[in-house]
Amino acid sequence: MTNTTNGSIVSKISDNGSKGMNMTGKNRTEKMSVTLPGKLAGEIRSIAAQGEISAFFTEALEHYLVYRKQAEAFKKGFGAWSDDNHPELATPEDSAAFVRAGREADKKRLFKTGGAHDR
């Protein structure tokens, strides 16, 4: 068992010696003490049932981490598109035609492979 303190977060890691998993096959857990504004804590308590606060935070933080990773990817990719490199997509009509052509190609491929019926 390891205890660490970092600012206002106190962590307690439970590990039974296995690589990232405990005896029940679930991921190992880490107990954290987090300081929150009172109003926010009250809102969380009004939504999450007693005994389900950890599950609430787990779900919320999983969603937030996906959002943060996506936002970072958008930042890194910003400016990668150049109209000069894609003159065939210069107008909204060009883009719509490109999407339609892709969808038609998908329909034909799926129909040919038996994956979908012609609609």
Protein backbone atom coordinates (compact mmCIF):
# COMPACT_ATOMS: atom_id res chain seq x y z
CA MET A 1 0.00 0.00 0.00
CA THR A 2 1.40 3.41 -0.98
CA ASN A 3 0.31 6.81 0.28
CA THR A 4 1.25 9.97 -1.61
CA THR A 5 0.28 13.59 -1.08
CA ASN A 6 0.23 16.14 -3.90
CA GLY A 7 -1.30 19.53 -3.13
CA SER A 8 -4.87 18.97 -1.99
CA ILE A 9 -5.07 15.40 -3.33
CA VAL A 10 -4.18 12.46 -1.13
CA SER A 11 -3.86 9.10 -2.85
CA LYS A 12 -3.89 5.59 -1.42
CA ILE A 13 -3.07 2.84 -3.91
CA SER A 14 -4.31 -0.68 -3.20
CA ASP A 15 -2.39 -3.41 -4.95
CA ASN A 16 -2.29 -7.06 -4.11
CA GLY A 17 0.90 -7.61 -6.08
CA SER A 18 -0.73 -8.45 -9.42
CA LYS A 19 -0.12 -6.38 -12.54
CA GLY A 20 -2.91 -3.78 -12.52
CA MET A 21 -5.61 -6.26 -11.50
CA ASN A 22 -6.89 -7.38 -8.14
CA MET A 23 -8.03 -10.86 -7.14
CA THR A 24 -11.54 -10.32 -8.53
CA GLY A 25 -10.16 -9.46 -11.99
CA LYS A 26 -11.03 -5.77 -11.70
CA ASN A 27 -8.52 -2.98 -12.21
CA ARG A 28 -6.71 -2.02 -9.06
CA THR A 29 -8.16 0.99 -7.34
CA GLU A 30 -6.63 4.10 -5.90
CA LYS A 31 -8.30 6.00 -3.09
CA MET A 32 -8.07 9.76 -3.49
CA SER A 33 -9.11 12.57 -1.21
CA VAL A 34 -10.08 15.61 -3.29
CA THR A 35 -11.00 19.06 -1.99
CA LEU A 36 -14.05 20.53 -3.78
CA PRO A 37 -15.97 23.77 -3.42
CA GLY A 38 -18.96 23.24 -1.10
CA LYS A 39 -21.55 24.11 -3.73
CA LEU A 40 -20.11 21.56 -6.17
CA ALA A 41 -19.93 18.87 -3.48
CA GLY A 42 -23.57 19.54 -2.62
CA GLU A 43 -24.64 19.24 -6.24
CA ILE A 44 -22.80 15.92 -6.55
CA ARG A 45 -24.42 14.58 -3.39
CA SER A 46 -27.85 15.59 -4.72
CA ILE A 47 -27.26 13.56 -7.88
CA ALA A 48 -25.23 10.56 -6.72
CA ALA A 49 -26.72 8.20 -4.16
CA GLN A 50 -24.86 7.51 -0.93
CA GLY A 51 -22.26 4.82 -1.63
CA GLU A 52 -22.17 5.62 -5.35
CA ILE A 53 -19.99 8.74 -5.24
CA SER A 54 -16.91 6.84 -6.47
CA ALA A 55 -18.83 5.40 -9.43
CA PHE A 56 -20.15 8.91 -10.19
CA PHE A 57 -16.64 10.39 -10.21
CA THR A 58 -15.25 7.46 -12.21
CA GLU A 59 -17.87 7.88 -14.94
CA ALA A 60 -17.57 11.67 -15.01
CA LEU A 61 -13.77 11.60 -15.16
CA GLU A 62 -13.72 8.93 -17.87
CA HIS A 63 -15.94 11.17 -20.01
CA TYR A 64 -13.83 14.21 -19.22
CA LEU A 65 -10.58 12.44 -20.10
CA VAL A 66 -12.01 11.46 -23.50
CA TYR A 67 -12.99 15.11 -24.02
CA ARG A 68 -9.52 16.38 -23.02
CA LYS A 69 -7.75 13.90 -25.30
CA GLN A 70 -10.02 14.84 -28.18
CA ALA A 71 -9.49 18.56 -27.56
CA GLU A 72 -5.72 18.02 -27.56
CA ALA A 73 -5.91 16.06 -30.83
CA PHE A 74 -7.94 18.87 -32.40
CA LYS A 75 -5.32 21.39 -31.26
CA LYS A 76 -2.49 19.34 -32.73
CA GLY A 77 -4.35 18.85 -36.02
CA PHE A 78 -5.45 22.47 -36.39
CA GLY A 79 -4.18 23.93 -39.64
CA ALA A 80 -3.37 20.54 -41.17
CA TRP A 81 -6.08 21.02 -43.81
CA SER A 82 -5.20 23.22 -46.77
CA ASP A 83 -7.68 24.21 -49.48
CA ASP A 84 -4.76 24.23 -51.91
CA ASN A 85 -4.29 20.49 -51.31
CA HIS A 86 -8.00 19.74 -51.87
CA PRO A 87 -9.37 21.91 -54.69
CA GLU A 88 -12.04 19.29 -55.37
CA LEU A 89 -13.65 20.23 -52.04
CA ALA A 90 -13.65 24.02 -52.46
CA THR A 91 -17.40 24.57 -51.98
CA PRO A 92 -20.09 23.10 -49.72
CA GLU A 93 -21.60 21.48 -52.82
CA ASP A 94 -18.25 19.81 -53.61
CA SER A 95 -18.08 18.46 -50.06
CA ALA A 96 -21.67 17.16 -50.23
CA ALA A 97 -20.93 15.42 -53.55
CA PHE A 98 -17.81 13.83 -52.01
CA VAL A 99 -19.83 12.48 -49.07
CA ARG A 100 -22.62 11.21 -51.37
CA ALA A 101 -20.08 9.40 -53.56
CA GLY A 102 -18.55 7.74 -50.51
CA ARG A 103 -21.94 6.63 -49.24
CA GLU A 104 -22.87 5.20 -52.64
CA ALA A 105 -19.58 3.32 -52.80
CA ASP A 106 -20.25 1.91 -49.31
CA LYS A 107 -23.76 0.80 -50.33
CA LYS A 108 -22.41 -0.98 -53.42
CA ARG A 109 -19.64 -2.65 -51.43
CA LEU A 110 -22.02 -3.80 -48.69
CA PHE A 111 -24.58 -5.04 -51.23
CA LYS A 112 -21.87 -6.92 -53.13
CA THR A 113 -20.61 -8.61 -49.95
CA GLY A 114 -24.13 -9.38 -48.67
CA GLY A 115 -23.73 -6.99 -45.76
CA ALA A 116 -26.78 -4.91 -46.65
CA HIS A 117 -29.77 -4.92 -48.91
CA ASP A 118 -30.22 -2.36 -51.66
CA ARG A 119 -32.34 0.51 -50.35
